[in-house]
Amino acid sequence: QERGLDVREPVIGDWTADFGYSFARSLGPAPECTGIFAANDQMALGILHGFAESGVRVPEDVSVVGFDDIPEARHFLPPLTTVRQDFHELGLRSIDSLLAAVHGRHAPSRLLIAPDLIVRGSTAAPRLR
């Protein structure tokens, strides 16, 4: 919005590559968006596949970003830009909170762990309309 781009309502998916594929195919060969942020890398994989079959070029026509940084993400075509969470730290903090609750100690209700943006070949600056 800060850059004057339209922001659409989220589309609720089912976390699978098949959903991402069907969604991308439903957009046709000329999507009106400049980028898609998928809730996980599996849906992003399906989006890349669906766009490839529709003739949509990633990232030239549409950028695609996933979430999780699964090990295969760097081998997608193009390699997937994604958000990496520190699952080890998340697990440690979750267990600490659980143990605190079990032992009657105060546990924080929210734990913030900064993610990392892993930039790869599936993103570019938005195309001008």
C-alpha atoms as a PDB file:
ATOM      1  CA  GLN A   1       0.000   0.000   0.000  1.00  0.00           C
ATOM      2  CA  GLU A   2       2.868   2.369   0.816  1.00  0.00           C
ATOM      3  CA  ARG A   3       4.102   1.902  -2.767  1.00  0.00           C
ATOM      4  CA  GLY A   4       0.678   2.461  -4.302  1.00  0.00           C
ATOM      5  CA  LEU A   5       0.092  -1.212  -5.084  1.00  0.00           C
ATOM      6  CA  ASP A   6      -3.252  -2.915  -4.561  1.00  0.00           C
ATOM      7  CA  VAL A   7      -3.432  -5.381  -1.702  1.00  0.00           C
ATOM      8  CA  ARG A   8      -5.971  -8.147  -2.121  1.00  0.00           C
ATOM      9  CA  GLU A   9      -7.781 -10.100   0.543  1.00  0.00           C
ATOM     10  CA  PRO A  10      -5.979 -13.324   1.511  1.00  0.00           C
ATOM     11  CA  VAL A  11      -6.985 -16.547  -0.206  1.00  0.00           C
ATOM     12  CA  ILE A  12      -7.359 -19.399   2.257  1.00  0.00           C
ATOM     13  CA  GLY A  13      -5.494 -22.487   1.032  1.00  0.00           C
ATOM     14  CA  ASP A  14      -5.009 -25.977   2.399  1.00  0.00           C
ATOM     15  CA  TRP A  15      -1.182 -25.917   2.690  1.00  0.00           C
ATOM     16  CA  THR A  16      -0.612 -28.254  -0.281  1.00  0.00           C
ATOM     17  CA  ALA A  17       1.261 -27.846  -3.553  1.00  0.00           C
ATOM     18  CA  ASP A  18      -1.928 -28.994  -5.309  1.00  0.00           C
ATOM     19  CA  PHE A  19      -3.819 -26.000  -3.911  1.00  0.00           C
ATOM     20  CA  GLY A  20      -1.058 -23.608  -5.015  1.00  0.00           C
ATOM     21  CA  TYR A  21      -1.079 -25.141  -8.481  1.00  0.00           C
ATOM     22  CA  SER A  22      -4.876 -24.818  -8.839  1.00  0.00           C
ATOM     23  CA  PHE A  23      -4.790 -21.256  -7.524  1.00  0.00           C
ATOM     24  CA  ALA A  24      -2.092 -20.177  -9.974  1.00  0.00           C
ATOM     25  CA  ARG A  25      -3.894 -21.840 -12.872  1.00  0.00           C
ATOM     26  CA  SER A  26      -7.110 -20.018 -11.883  1.00  0.00           C
ATOM     27  CA  LEU A  27      -5.354 -16.673 -12.385  1.00  0.00           C
ATOM     28  CA  GLY A  28      -4.836 -17.392 -16.071  1.00  0.00           C
ATOM     29  CA  PRO A  29      -1.950 -16.321 -18.318  1.00  0.00           C
ATOM     30  CA  ALA A  30      -2.039 -12.641 -17.274  1.00  0.00           C
ATOM     31  CA  PRO A  31      -2.491 -12.324 -13.486  1.00  0.00           C
ATOM     32  CA  GLU A  32      -3.391  -8.851 -12.269  1.00  0.00           C
ATOM     33  CA  CYS A  33      -1.055  -9.138  -9.279  1.00  0.00           C
ATOM     34  CA  THR A  34       2.666  -8.402  -9.091  1.00  0.00           C
ATOM     35  CA  GLY A  35       3.453 -10.760  -6.238  1.00  0.00           C
ATOM     36  CA  ILE A  36       2.132 -13.630  -4.156  1.00  0.00           C
ATOM     37  CA  PHE A  37       3.111 -14.512  -0.609  1.00  0.00           C
ATOM     38  CA  ALA A  38       2.240 -18.144   0.088  1.00  0.00           C
ATOM     39  CA  ALA A  39       1.717 -19.333   3.658  1.00  0.00           C
ATOM     40  CA  ASN A  40       4.201 -22.161   3.123  1.00  0.00           C
ATOM     41  CA  ASP A  41       6.783 -23.353   0.622  1.00  0.00           C
ATOM     42  CA  GLN A  42       4.621 -26.272  -0.523  1.00  0.00           C
ATOM     43  CA  MET A  43       1.880 -23.966  -1.800  1.00  0.00           C
ATOM     44  CA  ALA A  44       4.559 -21.747  -3.367  1.00  0.00           C
ATOM     45  CA  LEU A  45       5.905 -24.787  -5.238  1.00  0.00           C
ATOM     46  CA  GLY A  46       2.448 -25.437  -6.665  1.00  0.00           C
ATOM     47  CA  ILE A  47       2.131 -21.764  -7.614  1.00  0.00           C
ATOM     48  CA  LEU A  48       5.434 -21.897  -9.498  1.00  0.00           C
ATOM     49  CA  HIS A  49       4.270 -25.030 -11.338  1.00  0.00           C
ATOM     50  CA  GLY A  50       0.860 -23.557 -12.182  1.00  0.00           C
ATOM     51  CA  PHE A  51       2.401 -20.333 -13.452  1.00  0.00           C
ATOM     52  CA  ALA A  52       4.907 -22.241 -15.587  1.00  0.00           C
ATOM     53  CA  GLU A  53       2.086 -24.157 -17.265  1.00  0.00           C
ATOM     54  CA  SER A  54       0.113 -20.927 -17.796  1.00  0.00           C
ATOM     55  CA  GLY A  55       3.078 -19.127 -19.374  1.00  0.00           C
ATOM     56  CA  VAL A  56       3.449 -16.723 -16.435  1.00  0.00           C
ATOM     57  CA  ARG A  57       7.111 -15.884 -15.879  1.00  0.00           C
ATOM     58  CA  VAL A  58       8.443 -15.826 -12.316  1.00  0.00           C
ATOM     59  CA  PRO A  59       9.743 -13.315 -11.301  1.00  0.00           C
ATOM     60  CA  GLU A  60       9.392 -11.227 -14.487  1.00  0.00           C
ATOM     61  CA  ASP A  61       5.572 -11.225 -14.413  1.00  0.00           C
ATOM     62  CA  VAL A  62       4.835 -12.175 -10.802  1.00  0.00           C
ATOM     63  CA  SER A  63       7.087 -12.607  -7.768  1.00  0.00           C
ATOM     64  CA  VAL A  64       6.465 -15.585  -5.483  1.00  0.00           C
ATOM     65  CA  VAL A  65       7.510 -15.831  -1.831  1.00  0.00           C
ATOM     66  CA  GLY A  66       7.039 -18.851   0.409  1.00  0.00           C
ATOM     67  CA  PHE A  67       7.356 -19.462   4.121  1.00  0.00           C
ATOM     68  CA  ASP A  68       9.407 -22.076   6.043  1.00  0.00           C
ATOM     69  CA  ASP A  69      12.556 -22.390   3.883  1.00  0.00           C
ATOM     70  CA  ILE A  70      12.249 -26.132   3.415  1.00  0.00           C
ATOM     71  CA  PRO A  71      15.524 -27.680   2.205  1.00  0.00           C
ATOM     72  CA  GLU A  72      14.129 -28.145  -1.326  1.00  0.00           C
ATOM     73  CA  ALA A  73      13.198 -24.441  -1.704  1.00  0.00           C
ATOM     74  CA  ARG A  74      16.639 -23.587  -3.087  1.00  0.00           C
ATOM     75  CA  HIS A  75      16.101 -26.204  -5.828  1.00  0.00           C
ATOM     76  CA  PHE A  76      12.711 -24.968  -7.077  1.00  0.00           C
ATOM     77  CA  LEU A  77      12.720 -23.353 -10.522  1.00  0.00           C
ATOM     78  CA  PRO A  78      13.323 -20.531  -9.979  1.00  0.00           C
ATOM     79  CA  PRO A  79      14.854 -20.942  -6.533  1.00  0.00           C
ATOM     80  CA  LEU A  80      12.243 -19.784  -4.021  1.00  0.00           C
ATOM     81  CA  THR A  81      12.494 -16.609  -1.986  1.00  0.00           C
ATOM     82  CA  THR A  82      11.134 -17.579   1.410  1.00  0.00           C
ATOM     83  CA  VAL A  83      10.895 -16.679   5.074  1.00  0.00           C
ATOM     84  CA  ARG A  84      12.956 -18.831   7.429  1.00  0.00           C
ATOM     85  CA  GLN A  85      11.907 -19.401  11.007  1.00  0.00           C
ATOM     86  CA  ASP A  86      14.321 -20.549  13.669  1.00  0.00           C
ATOM     87  CA  PHE A  87      12.470 -23.762  14.541  1.00  0.00           C
ATOM     88  CA  HIS A  88      15.134 -24.788  17.053  1.00  0.00           C
ATOM     89  CA  GLU A  89      14.685 -21.552  19.023  1.00  0.00           C
ATOM     90  CA  LEU A  90      10.906 -21.778  18.667  1.00  0.00           C
ATOM     91  CA  GLY A  91      10.995 -25.304  20.112  1.00  0.00           C
ATOM     92  CA  LEU A  92      13.238 -24.290  23.014  1.00  0.00           C
ATOM     93  CA  ARG A  93      11.024 -21.358  23.953  1.00  0.00           C
ATOM     94  CA  SER A  94       7.870 -23.449  23.635  1.00  0.00           C
ATOM     95  CA  ILE A  95       9.262 -26.116  25.969  1.00  0.00           C
ATOM     96  CA  ASP A  96      10.417 -23.426  28.425  1.00  0.00           C
ATOM     97  CA  SER A  97       6.888 -21.962  28.442  1.00  0.00           C
ATOM     98  CA  LEU A  98       5.326 -25.383  28.914  1.00  0.00           C
ATOM     99  CA  LEU A  99       7.648 -26.249  31.792  1.00  0.00           C
ATOM    100  CA  ALA A 100       6.983 -22.884  33.422  1.00  0.00           C
ATOM    101  CA  ALA A 101       3.230 -23.501  33.236  1.00  0.00           C
ATOM    102  CA  VAL A 102       3.589 -27.043  34.616  1.00  0.00           C
ATOM    103  CA  HIS A 103       5.659 -25.764  37.557  1.00  0.00           C
ATOM    104  CA  GLY A 104       3.352 -22.812  38.260  1.00  0.00           C
ATOM    105  CA  ARG A 105       5.779 -20.149  37.094  1.00  0.00           C
ATOM    106  CA  HIS A 106       4.834 -17.210  34.932  1.00  0.00           C
ATOM    107  CA  ALA A 107       5.297 -17.904  31.218  1.00  0.00           C
ATOM    108  CA  PRO A 108       5.196 -15.178  28.583  1.00  0.00           C
ATOM    109  CA  SER A 109       1.988 -15.275  26.549  1.00  0.00           C
ATOM    110  CA  ARG A 110       3.794 -14.234  23.368  1.00  0.00           C
ATOM    111  CA  LEU A 111       7.252 -15.146  22.210  1.00  0.00           C
ATOM    112  CA  LEU A 112       8.625 -13.148  19.308  1.00  0.00           C
ATOM    113  CA  ILE A 113      11.366 -14.674  17.220  1.00  0.00           C
ATOM    114  CA  ALA A 114      12.490 -12.603  14.266  1.00  0.00           C
ATOM    115  CA  PRO A 115      12.362 -14.537  10.974  1.00  0.00           C
ATOM    116  CA  ASP A 116      14.895 -14.186   8.164  1.00  0.00           C
ATOM    117  CA  LEU A 117      14.007 -13.316   4.586  1.00  0.00           C
ATOM    118  CA  ILE A 118      15.963 -15.616   2.266  1.00  0.00           C
ATOM    119  CA  VAL A 119      16.063 -13.871  -1.108  1.00  0.00           C
ATOM    120  CA  ARG A 120      16.418 -16.129  -4.131  1.00  0.00           C
ATOM    121  CA  GLY A 121      15.390 -16.021  -7.777  1.00  0.00           C
ATOM    122  CA  SER A 122      11.579 -16.017  -7.466  1.00  0.00           C
ATOM    123  CA  THR A 123      11.301 -12.311  -6.649  1.00  0.00           C
ATOM    124  CA  ALA A 124      11.984  -9.025  -8.429  1.00  0.00           C
ATOM    125  CA  ALA A 125      10.848  -5.425  -8.191  1.00  0.00           C
ATOM    126  CA  PRO A 126       7.144  -5.054  -9.041  1.00  0.00           C
ATOM    127  CA  ARG A 127       6.475  -4.526 -12.734  1.00  0.00           C
ATOM    128  CA  LEU A 128       4.913  -1.245 -13.726  1.00  0.00           C
ATOM    129  CA  ARG A 129       1.374  -1.358 -14.984  1.00  0.00           C
END
